[in-house]
Amino acid sequence: MEPAIALNISILATIVGLTGYAVYTAFGPPAKELDDPFEDHED
């Protein structure tokens, strides 16, 4: 395998992994700990 192909695959895997982690954090079980600052300061 050429080095350029291996580099592209590793960059793609990193991007997909970070995106998956971000979606999990935003919508998964850890999201229950997130606060909405707009709801905290309603009048």
N, C-alpha and C. Protein backbone atom coordinates (compact mmCIF):
# COMPACT_ATOMS: atom_id res chain seq x y z
N MET A 1 0.85 -1.17 0.00
CA MET A 1 0.00 0.00 0.00
C MET A 1 0.90 1.24 0.00
N GLU A 2 0.52 2.18 -0.82
CA GLU A 2 1.31 3.40 -0.91
C GLU A 2 1.12 4.25 0.35
N PRO A 3 2.13 5.03 0.70
CA PRO A 3 2.01 5.86 1.91
C PRO A 3 0.89 6.89 1.83
N ALA A 4 0.62 7.41 0.66
CA ALA A 4 -0.45 8.41 0.53
C ALA A 4 -1.81 7.79 0.83
N ILE A 5 -2.04 6.57 0.40
CA ILE A 5 -3.31 5.90 0.66
C ILE A 5 -3.45 5.61 2.15
N ALA A 6 -2.39 5.15 2.78
CA ALA A 6 -2.43 4.87 4.22
C ALA A 6 -2.69 6.15 5.01
N LEU A 7 -2.08 7.25 4.60
CA LEU A 7 -2.30 8.52 5.28
C LEU A 7 -3.75 8.98 5.11
N ASN A 8 -4.29 8.86 3.91
CA ASN A 8 -5.68 9.25 3.68
C ASN A 8 -6.64 8.41 4.51
N ILE A 9 -6.39 7.12 4.60
CA ILE A 9 -7.26 6.24 5.39
C ILE A 9 -7.18 6.60 6.86
N SER A 10 -6.00 6.90 7.36
CA SER A 10 -5.88 7.25 8.78
C SER A 10 -6.54 8.59 9.09
N ILE A 11 -6.41 9.56 8.20
CA ILE A 11 -7.08 10.84 8.40
C ILE A 11 -8.59 10.66 8.37
N LEU A 12 -9.09 9.89 7.43
CA LEU A 12 -10.52 9.63 7.34
C LEU A 12 -11.03 8.92 8.58
N ALA A 13 -10.30 7.94 9.08
CA ALA A 13 -10.70 7.22 10.29
C ALA A 13 -10.74 8.15 11.49
N THR A 14 -9.79 9.07 11.57
CA THR A 14 -9.77 10.03 12.67
C THR A 14 -10.97 10.96 12.61
N ILE A 15 -11.29 11.45 11.43
CA ILE A 15 -12.43 12.36 11.26
C ILE A 15 -13.74 11.64 11.60
N VAL A 16 -13.89 10.42 11.11
CA VAL A 16 -15.11 9.66 11.39
C VAL A 16 -15.21 9.36 12.89
N GLY A 17 -14.10 9.03 13.52
CA GLY A 17 -14.11 8.76 14.95
C GLY A 17 -14.48 9.99 15.77
N LEU A 18 -13.91 11.13 15.44
CA LEU A 18 -14.24 12.36 16.16
C LEU A 18 -15.70 12.77 15.95
N THR A 19 -16.20 12.58 14.74
CA THR A 19 -17.60 12.90 14.46
C THR A 19 -18.53 11.98 15.25
N GLY A 20 -18.20 10.71 15.28
CA GLY A 20 -19.00 9.76 16.04
C GLY A 20 -19.00 10.08 17.53
N TYR A 21 -17.85 10.44 18.07
CA TYR A 21 -17.76 10.81 19.48
C TYR A 21 -18.56 12.07 19.77
N ALA A 22 -18.53 13.04 18.86
CA ALA A 22 -19.28 14.27 19.05
C ALA A 22 -20.78 14.01 19.04
N VAL A 23 -21.24 13.16 18.14
CA VAL A 23 -22.67 12.83 18.09
C VAL A 23 -23.08 12.07 19.35
N TYR A 24 -22.23 11.15 19.81
CA TYR A 24 -22.51 10.39 21.03
C TYR A 24 -22.59 11.33 22.23
N THR A 25 -21.68 12.29 22.31
CA THR A 25 -21.66 13.23 23.42
C THR A 25 -22.87 14.16 23.38
N ALA A 26 -23.28 14.57 22.19
CA ALA A 26 -24.38 15.52 22.06
C ALA A 26 -25.74 14.88 22.28
N PHE A 27 -25.93 13.63 21.83
CA PHE A 27 -27.25 13.02 21.86
C PHE A 27 -27.34 11.76 22.69
N GLY A 28 -26.23 11.22 23.15
CA GLY A 28 -26.23 9.98 23.92
C GLY A 28 -26.42 10.24 25.39
N PRO A 29 -26.12 9.23 26.22
CA PRO A 29 -26.27 9.37 27.67
C PRO A 29 -25.49 10.53 28.30
N PRO A 30 -24.29 10.89 27.81
CA PRO A 30 -23.61 12.03 28.42
C PRO A 30 -24.34 13.36 28.24
N ALA A 31 -25.30 13.42 27.32
CA ALA A 31 -26.02 14.67 27.06
C ALA A 31 -26.91 15.07 28.23
N LYS A 32 -27.24 14.13 29.11
CA LYS A 32 -28.08 14.44 30.25
C LYS A 32 -27.38 15.38 31.22
N GLU A 33 -26.06 15.41 31.20
CA GLU A 33 -25.30 16.27 32.10
C GLU A 33 -25.11 17.68 31.53
N LEU A 34 -25.45 17.89 30.26
CA LEU A 34 -25.27 19.20 29.64
C LEU A 34 -26.38 20.14 30.09
N ASP A 35 -26.03 21.41 30.30
CA ASP A 35 -27.00 22.42 30.68
C ASP A 35 -27.28 23.34 29.51
N ASP A 36 -28.51 23.85 29.49
CA ASP A 36 -28.89 24.84 28.49
C ASP A 36 -28.83 26.21 29.13
N PRO A 37 -27.85 27.04 28.78
CA PRO A 37 -27.72 28.34 29.45
C PRO A 37 -28.91 29.27 29.21
N PHE A 38 -29.64 29.08 28.12
CA PHE A 38 -30.80 29.93 27.86
C PHE A 38 -31.96 29.59 28.79
N GLU A 39 -32.09 28.32 29.18
CA GLU A 39 -33.14 27.95 30.12
C GLU A 39 -32.79 28.39 31.54
N ASP A 40 -31.53 28.50 31.84
CA ASP A 40 -31.12 28.91 33.19
C ASP A 40 -31.43 30.37 33.46
N HIS A 41 -31.51 31.22 32.42
CA HIS A 41 -31.67 32.65 32.61
C HIS A 41 -32.97 33.19 32.03
N GLU A 42 -34.02 32.36 32.01
CA GLU A 42 -35.29 32.86 31.50
C GLU A 42 -35.94 33.76 32.53
N ASP A 43 -36.67 34.75 32.03
CA ASP A 43 -37.35 35.69 32.95
C ASP A 43 -38.75 35.23 33.23
